[in-house]
PDB file of N, CA and C in Angstrom:
ATOM      1  N   MET A   1       4.293  94.409  47.990  1.00  0.00           N
ATOM      2  CA  MET A   1       3.703  95.398  47.074  1.00  0.00           C
ATOM      3  C   MET A   1       2.934  96.373  47.872  1.00  0.00           C
ATOM      4  N   PRO A   2       3.149  97.693  47.594  1.00  0.00           N
ATOM      5  CA  PRO A   2       2.247  98.719  48.362  1.00  0.00           C
ATOM      6  C   PRO A   2       0.818  98.583  48.178  1.00  0.00           C
ATOM      7  N   THR A   3       0.139  98.854  49.266  1.00  0.00           N
ATOM      8  CA  THR A   3      -1.349  98.791  49.244  1.00  0.00           C
ATOM      9  C   THR A   3      -2.022 100.075  49.026  1.00  0.00           C
ATOM     10  N   SER A   4      -1.384 101.238  49.008  1.00  0.00           N
ATOM     11  CA  SER A   4      -1.943 102.480  48.694  1.00  0.00           C
ATOM     12  C   SER A   4      -1.072 103.339  48.040  1.00  0.00           C
ATOM     13  N   ASN A   5      -1.656 104.543  47.540  1.00  0.00           N
ATOM     14  CA  ASN A   5      -0.807 105.526  46.759  1.00  0.00           C
ATOM     15  C   ASN A   5      -0.173 106.434  47.868  1.00  0.00           C
ATOM     16  N   PHE A   6      -0.357 106.347  49.044  1.00  0.00           N
ATOM     17  CA  PHE A   6       0.317 107.272  50.064  1.00  0.00           C
ATOM     18  C   PHE A   6       1.661 106.831  50.373  1.00  0.00           C
ATOM     19  N   PRO A   7       2.682 107.768  50.080  1.00  0.00           N
ATOM     20  CA  PRO A   7       4.115 107.336  50.176  1.00  0.00           C
ATOM     21  C   PRO A   7       4.462 107.072  51.643  1.00  0.00           C
ATOM     22  N   ASP A   8       5.346 106.080  51.892  1.00  0.00           N
ATOM     23  CA  ASP A   8       5.876 105.759  53.153  1.00  0.00           C
ATOM     24  C   ASP A   8       6.945 106.855  53.555  1.00  0.00           C
ATOM     25  N   PHE A   9       7.581 107.283  52.528  1.00  0.00           N
ATOM     26  CA  PHE A   9       8.668 108.339  52.709  1.00  0.00           C
ATOM     27  C   PHE A   9       8.547 109.409  51.698  1.00  0.00           C
ATOM     28  N   THR A  10       9.044 110.558  52.135  1.00  0.00           N
ATOM     29  CA  THR A  10       9.207 111.703  51.066  1.00  0.00           C
ATOM     30  C   THR A  10      10.709 112.103  51.196  1.00  0.00           C
ATOM     31  N   VAL A  11      11.317 112.399  50.080  1.00  0.00           N
ATOM     32  CA  VAL A  11      12.631 112.905  50.170  1.00  0.00           C
ATOM     33  C   VAL A  11      12.743 114.394  49.692  1.00  0.00           C
ATOM     34  N   GLN A  12      13.382 115.111  50.478  1.00  0.00           N
ATOM     35  CA  GLN A  12      13.504 116.718  50.210  1.00  0.00           C
ATOM     36  C   GLN A  12      14.849 117.108  49.989  1.00  0.00           C
ATOM     37  N   ASN A  13      15.217 117.584  48.788  1.00  0.00           N
ATOM     38  CA  ASN A  13      16.488 118.020  48.376  1.00  0.00           C
ATOM     39  C   ASN A  13      16.765 119.413  48.959  1.00  0.00           C
ATOM     40  N   GLU A  14      17.776 119.538  49.812  1.00  0.00           N
ATOM     41  CA  GLU A  14      18.130 120.856  50.344  1.00  0.00           C
ATOM     42  C   GLU A  14      19.430 121.357  49.823  1.00  0.00           C
ATOM     43  N   GLY A  15      19.871 120.722  48.663  1.00  0.00           N
ATOM     44  CA  GLY A  15      21.153 121.219  47.982  1.00  0.00           C
ATOM     45  C   GLY A  15      22.328 120.322  48.482  1.00  0.00           C
ATOM     46  N   SER A  16      22.827 120.743  49.604  1.00  0.00           N
ATOM     47  CA  SER A  16      24.089 120.036  50.113  1.00  0.00           C
ATOM     48  C   SER A  16      23.669 118.810  51.017  1.00  0.00           C
ATOM     49  N   ILE A  17      22.400 118.640  51.354  1.00  0.00           N
ATOM     50  CA  ILE A  17      21.973 117.536  52.162  1.00  0.00           C
ATOM     51  C   ILE A  17      20.553 117.165  51.569  1.00  0.00           C
ATOM     52  N   PHE A  18      20.144 115.948  51.867  1.00  0.00           N
ATOM     53  CA  PHE A  18      18.756 115.576  51.596  1.00  0.00           C
ATOM     54  C   PHE A  18      18.180 115.153  52.967  1.00  0.00           C
ATOM     55  N   LEU A  19      16.725 115.340  52.999  1.00  0.00           N
ATOM     56  CA  LEU A  19      16.115 114.919  54.221  1.00  0.00           C
ATOM     57  C   LEU A  19      15.102 113.903  53.804  1.00  0.00           C
ATOM     58  N   LEU A  20      15.145 112.775  54.574  1.00  0.00           N
ATOM     59  CA  LEU A  20      14.181 111.629  54.345  1.00  0.00           C
ATOM     60  C   LEU A  20      13.206 111.660  55.425  1.00  0.00           C
ATOM     61  N   HIS A  21      11.978 111.815  55.096  1.00  0.00           N
ATOM     62  CA  HIS A  21      10.854 112.074  55.948  1.00  0.00           C
ATOM     63  C   HIS A  21       9.997 110.818  56.066  1.00  0.00           C
ATOM     64  N   PRO A  22      10.023 110.006  57.138  1.00  0.00           N
ATOM     65  CA  PRO A  22       9.098 108.884  57.360  1.00  0.00           C
ATOM     66  C   PRO A  22       7.624 109.385  57.454  1.00  0.00           C
ATOM     67  N   ARG A  23       6.715 108.756  56.724  1.00  0.00           N
ATOM     68  CA  ARG A  23       5.311 109.177  56.814  1.00  0.00           C
ATOM     69  C   ARG A  23       4.394 108.089  57.336  1.00  0.00           C
ATOM     70  N   THR A  24       4.879 106.927  57.561  1.00  0.00           N
ATOM     71  CA  THR A  24       4.124 105.796  58.065  1.00  0.00           C
ATOM     72  C   THR A  24       4.899 105.103  59.257  1.00  0.00           C
ATOM     73  N   ASP A  25       4.195 104.291  59.879  1.00  0.00           N
ATOM     74  CA  ASP A  25       4.799 103.392  60.939  1.00  0.00           C
ATOM     75  C   ASP A  25       5.802 102.440  60.293  1.00  0.00           C
ATOM     76  N   ALA A  26       5.496 101.996  59.186  1.00  0.00           N
ATOM     77  CA  ALA A  26       6.412 101.000  58.395  1.00  0.00           C
ATOM     78  C   ALA A  26       7.703 101.810  58.120  1.00  0.00           C
ATOM     79  N   ALA A  27       7.571 103.042  57.734  1.00  0.00           N
ATOM     80  CA  ALA A  27       8.759 103.823  57.410  1.00  0.00           C
ATOM     81  C   ALA A  27       9.573 104.085  58.673  1.00  0.00           C
ATOM     82  N   ARG A  28       9.006 104.421  59.731  1.00  0.00           N
ATOM     83  CA  ARG A  28       9.743 104.643  60.946  1.00  0.00           C
ATOM     84  C   ARG A  28      10.432 103.406  61.375  1.00  0.00           C
ATOM     85  N   SER A  29       9.781 102.308  61.299  1.00  0.00           N
ATOM     86  CA  SER A  29      10.555 100.954  61.642  1.00  0.00           C
ATOM     87  C   SER A  29      11.602 100.743  60.701  1.00  0.00           C
ATOM     88  N   TRP A  30      11.464 101.096  59.456  1.00  0.00           N
ATOM     89  CA  TRP A  30      12.538 100.938  58.370  1.00  0.00           C
ATOM     90  C   TRP A  30      13.775 101.612  58.804  1.00  0.00           C
ATOM     91  N   ILE A  31      13.589 102.929  59.170  1.00  0.00           N
ATOM     92  CA  ILE A  31      14.817 103.751  59.488  1.00  0.00           C
ATOM     93  C   ILE A  31      15.358 103.380  60.826  1.00  0.00           C
ATOM     94  N   GLU A  32      14.537 102.842  61.794  1.00  0.00           N
ATOM     95  CA  GLU A  32      15.145 102.330  62.966  1.00  0.00           C
ATOM     96  C   GLU A  32      16.089 101.102  62.751  1.00  0.00           C
ATOM     97  N   GLU A  33      15.589 100.263  61.855  1.00  0.00           N
ATOM     98  CA  GLU A  33      16.355  99.027  61.565  1.00  0.00           C
ATOM     99  C   GLU A  33      17.543  99.248  60.619  1.00  0.00           C
ATOM    100  N   HIS A  34      17.455 100.095  59.645  1.00  0.00           N
ATOM    101  CA  HIS A  34      18.396 100.221  58.665  1.00  0.00           C
ATOM    102  C   HIS A  34      19.386 101.430  58.758  1.00  0.00           C
ATOM    103  N   ILE A  35      18.940 102.496  59.528  1.00  0.00           N
ATOM    104  CA  ILE A  35      19.691 103.667  59.643  1.00  0.00           C
ATOM    105  C   ILE A  35      20.073 103.914  61.099  1.00  0.00           C
ATOM    106  N   GLY A  36      18.990 104.176  61.980  1.00  0.00           N
ATOM    107  CA  GLY A  36      19.247 104.330  63.340  1.00  0.00           C
ATOM    108  C   GLY A  36      19.591 105.769  63.698  1.00  0.00           C
ATOM    109  N   GLU A  37      19.105 106.220  64.792  1.00  0.00           N
ATOM    110  CA  GLU A  37      19.214 107.527  65.256  1.00  0.00           C
ATOM    111  C   GLU A  37      20.685 107.981  65.595  1.00  0.00           C
ATOM    112  N   ALA A  38      21.501 107.042  65.967  1.00  0.00           N
ATOM    113  CA  ALA A  38      22.999 107.281  66.305  1.00  0.00           C
ATOM    114  C   ALA A  38      23.855 107.266  65.066  1.00  0.00           C
ATOM    115  N   ASN A  39      23.284 106.984  63.814  1.00  0.00           N
ATOM    116  CA  ASN A  39      24.049 107.005  62.763  1.00  0.00           C
ATOM    117  C   ASN A  39      24.359 108.395  62.182  1.00  0.00           C
ATOM    118  N   GLY A  40      25.548 108.933  62.630  1.00  0.00           N
ATOM    119  CA  GLY A  40      25.824 110.395  62.200  1.00  0.00           C
ATOM    120  C   GLY A  40      25.056 111.332  63.012  1.00  0.00           C
ATOM    121  N   SER A  41      25.123 112.523  62.572  1.00  0.00           N
ATOM    122  CA  SER A  41      24.378 113.600  63.261  1.00  0.00           C
ATOM    123  C   SER A  41      22.895 113.601  62.746  1.00  0.00           C
ATOM    124  N   GLN A  42      21.948 113.377  63.593  1.00  0.00           N
ATOM    125  CA  GLN A  42      20.522 113.260  63.151  1.00  0.00           C
ATOM    126  C   GLN A  42      19.719 114.163  63.999  1.00  0.00           C
ATOM    127  N   PRO A  43      20.002 115.534  63.728  1.00  0.00           N
ATOM    128  CA  PRO A  43      19.292 116.567  64.626  1.00  0.00           C
ATOM    129  C   PRO A  43      17.800 116.634  64.478  1.00  0.00           C
ATOM    130  N   TYR A  44      17.232 116.096  63.283  1.00  0.00           N
ATOM    131  CA  TYR A  44      15.818 116.142  62.925  1.00  0.00           C
ATOM    132  C   TYR A  44      15.066 114.873  63.135  1.00  0.00           C
ATOM    133  N   TRP A  45      15.715 113.865  63.805  1.00  0.00           N
ATOM    134  CA  TRP A  45      15.170 112.542  64.007  1.00  0.00           C
ATOM    135  C   TRP A  45      13.703 112.672  64.426  1.00  0.00           C
ATOM    136  N   PRO A  46      12.750 111.924  63.839  1.00  0.00           N
ATOM    137  CA  PRO A  46      12.965 110.793  62.979  1.00  0.00           C
ATOM    138  C   PRO A  46      13.172 111.130  61.520  1.00  0.00           C
ATOM    139  N   ASN A  47      13.272 112.409  61.133  1.00  0.00           N
ATOM    140  CA  ASN A  47      13.626 112.724  59.760  1.00  0.00           C
ATOM    141  C   ASN A  47      15.212 112.456  59.665  1.00  0.00           C
ATOM    142  N   VAL A  48      15.611 111.945  58.629  1.00  0.00           N
ATOM    143  CA  VAL A  48      16.989 111.552  58.459  1.00  0.00           C
ATOM    144  C   VAL A  48      17.763 112.450  57.517  1.00  0.00           C
ATOM    145  N   VAL A  49      18.943 113.024  57.954  1.00  0.00           N
ATOM    146  CA  VAL A  49      19.752 113.813  57.161  1.00  0.00           C
ATOM    147  C   VAL A  49      20.764 112.884  56.403  1.00  0.00           C
ATOM    148  N   ILE A  50      20.760 113.128  55.113  1.00  0.00           N
ATOM    149  CA  ILE A  50      21.545 112.186  54.199  1.00  0.00           C
ATOM    150  C   ILE A  50      22.361 113.074  53.286  1.00  0.00           C
ATOM    151  N   GLU A  51      23.739 112.540  53.078  1.00  0.00           N
ATOM    152  CA  GLU A  51      24.596 113.114  52.241  1.00  0.00           C
ATOM    153  C   GLU A  51      24.163 112.756  50.797  1.00  0.00           C
ATOM    154  N   PRO A  52      24.166 113.637  49.800  1.00  0.00           N
ATOM    155  CA  PRO A  52      23.724 113.328  48.418  1.00  0.00           C
ATOM    156  C   PRO A  52      24.201 111.907  47.791  1.00  0.00           C
ATOM    157  N   ARG A  53      25.434 111.635  48.114  1.00  0.00           N
ATOM    158  CA  ARG A  53      26.043 110.348  47.526  1.00  0.00           C
ATOM    159  C   ARG A  53      25.366 109.186  48.071  1.00  0.00           C
ATOM    160  N   TYR A  54      24.583 109.258  49.067  1.00  0.00           N
ATOM    161  CA  TYR A  54      23.998 108.016  49.656  1.00  0.00           C
ATOM    162  C   TYR A  54      22.546 107.881  49.354  1.00  0.00           C
ATOM    163  N   VAL A  55      21.916 108.902  48.946  1.00  0.00           N
ATOM    164  CA  VAL A  55      20.412 108.998  48.590  1.00  0.00           C
ATOM    165  C   VAL A  55      19.976 107.859  47.708  1.00  0.00           C
ATOM    166  N   GLY A  56      20.652 107.746  46.542  1.00  0.00           N
ATOM    167  CA  GLY A  56      20.228 106.640  45.651  1.00  0.00           C
ATOM    168  C   GLY A  56      20.192 105.180  46.230  1.00  0.00           C
ATOM    169  N   ASP A  57      21.185 104.830  46.978  1.00  0.00           N
ATOM    170  CA  ASP A  57      21.369 103.540  47.669  1.00  0.00           C
ATOM    171  C   ASP A  57      20.238 103.448  48.655  1.00  0.00           C
ATOM    172  N   ILE A  58      19.997 104.433  49.459  1.00  0.00           N
ATOM    173  CA  ILE A  58      19.005 104.336  50.487  1.00  0.00           C
ATOM    174  C   ILE A  58      17.601 104.144  49.881  1.00  0.00           C
ATOM    175  N   VAL A  59      17.320 104.941  48.953  1.00  0.00           N
ATOM    176  CA  VAL A  59      15.985 104.920  48.151  1.00  0.00           C
ATOM    177  C   VAL A  59      15.755 103.481  47.587  1.00  0.00           C
ATOM    178  N   ASN A  60      16.947 102.965  46.864  1.00  0.00           N
ATOM    179  CA  ASN A  60      16.800 101.630  46.340  1.00  0.00           C
ATOM    180  C   ASN A  60      16.532 100.630  47.386  1.00  0.00           C
ATOM    181  N   GLY A  61      17.115 100.655  48.570  1.00  0.00           N
ATOM    182  CA  GLY A  61      16.933  99.792  49.646  1.00  0.00           C
ATOM    183  C   GLY A  61      15.516  99.856  50.134  1.00  0.00           C
ATOM    184  N   ILE A  62      14.988 101.063  50.287  1.00  0.00           N
ATOM    185  CA  ILE A  62      13.624 101.248  50.656  1.00  0.00           C
ATOM    186  C   ILE A  62      12.668 100.597  49.814  1.00  0.00           C
ATOM    187  N   THR A  63      12.722 100.852  48.519  1.00  0.00           N
ATOM    188  CA  THR A  63      11.860 100.285  47.511  1.00  0.00           C
ATOM    189  C   THR A  63      12.017  98.841  47.397  1.00  0.00           C
ATOM    190  N   ALA A  64      13.146  98.287  47.517  1.00  0.00           N
ATOM    191  CA  ALA A  64      13.424  96.818  47.475  1.00  0.00           C
ATOM    192  C   ALA A  64      12.642  96.124  48.603  1.00  0.00           C
ATOM    193  N   ASP A  65      12.522  96.813  49.617  1.00  0.00           N
ATOM    194  CA  ASP A  65      11.743  96.280  50.791  1.00  0.00           C
ATOM    195  C   ASP A  65      10.255  96.583  50.623  1.00  0.00           C
ATOM    196  N   GLY A  66       9.721  97.061  49.443  1.00  0.00           N
ATOM    197  CA  GLY A  66       8.406  97.223  49.244  1.00  0.00           C
ATOM    198  C   GLY A  66       7.648  98.449  49.688  1.00  0.00           C
ATOM    199  N   LEU A  67       8.528  99.484  50.131  1.00  0.00           N
ATOM    200  CA  LEU A  67       7.910 100.767  50.642  1.00  0.00           C
ATOM    201  C   LEU A  67       7.972 101.738  49.594  1.00  0.00           C
ATOM    202  N   VAL A  68       7.146 102.741  49.552  1.00  0.00           N
ATOM    203  CA  VAL A  68       6.995 103.810  48.578  1.00  0.00           C
ATOM    204  C   VAL A  68       7.699 105.023  48.972  1.00  0.00           C
ATOM    205  N   VAL A  69       8.494 105.592  48.011  1.00  0.00           N
ATOM    206  CA  VAL A  69       9.270 106.871  48.199  1.00  0.00           C
ATOM    207  C   VAL A  69       8.662 107.815  47.188  1.00  0.00           C
ATOM    208  N   CYS A  70       8.421 109.022  47.671  1.00  0.00           N
ATOM    209  CA  CYS A  70       8.032 110.162  46.798  1.00  0.00           C
ATOM    210  C   CYS A  70       9.006 111.330  46.961  1.00  0.00           C
TER     211      CYS A  70
END
């Protein structure tokens, strides 16, 4: 369960893509473990570029692991 109101991640909708921004060390560790820099084209690493069809599953995985997404 989260210990603060500060989000671990923020999600930014850019229309044809979403950007997932890690805001904490726990968030950066999560993306290293579950996504990885070599997964597709990640020109903004450690921010992650995501196709809209995958955002829901990724956010569900993040929250299932007890992290906060805003």
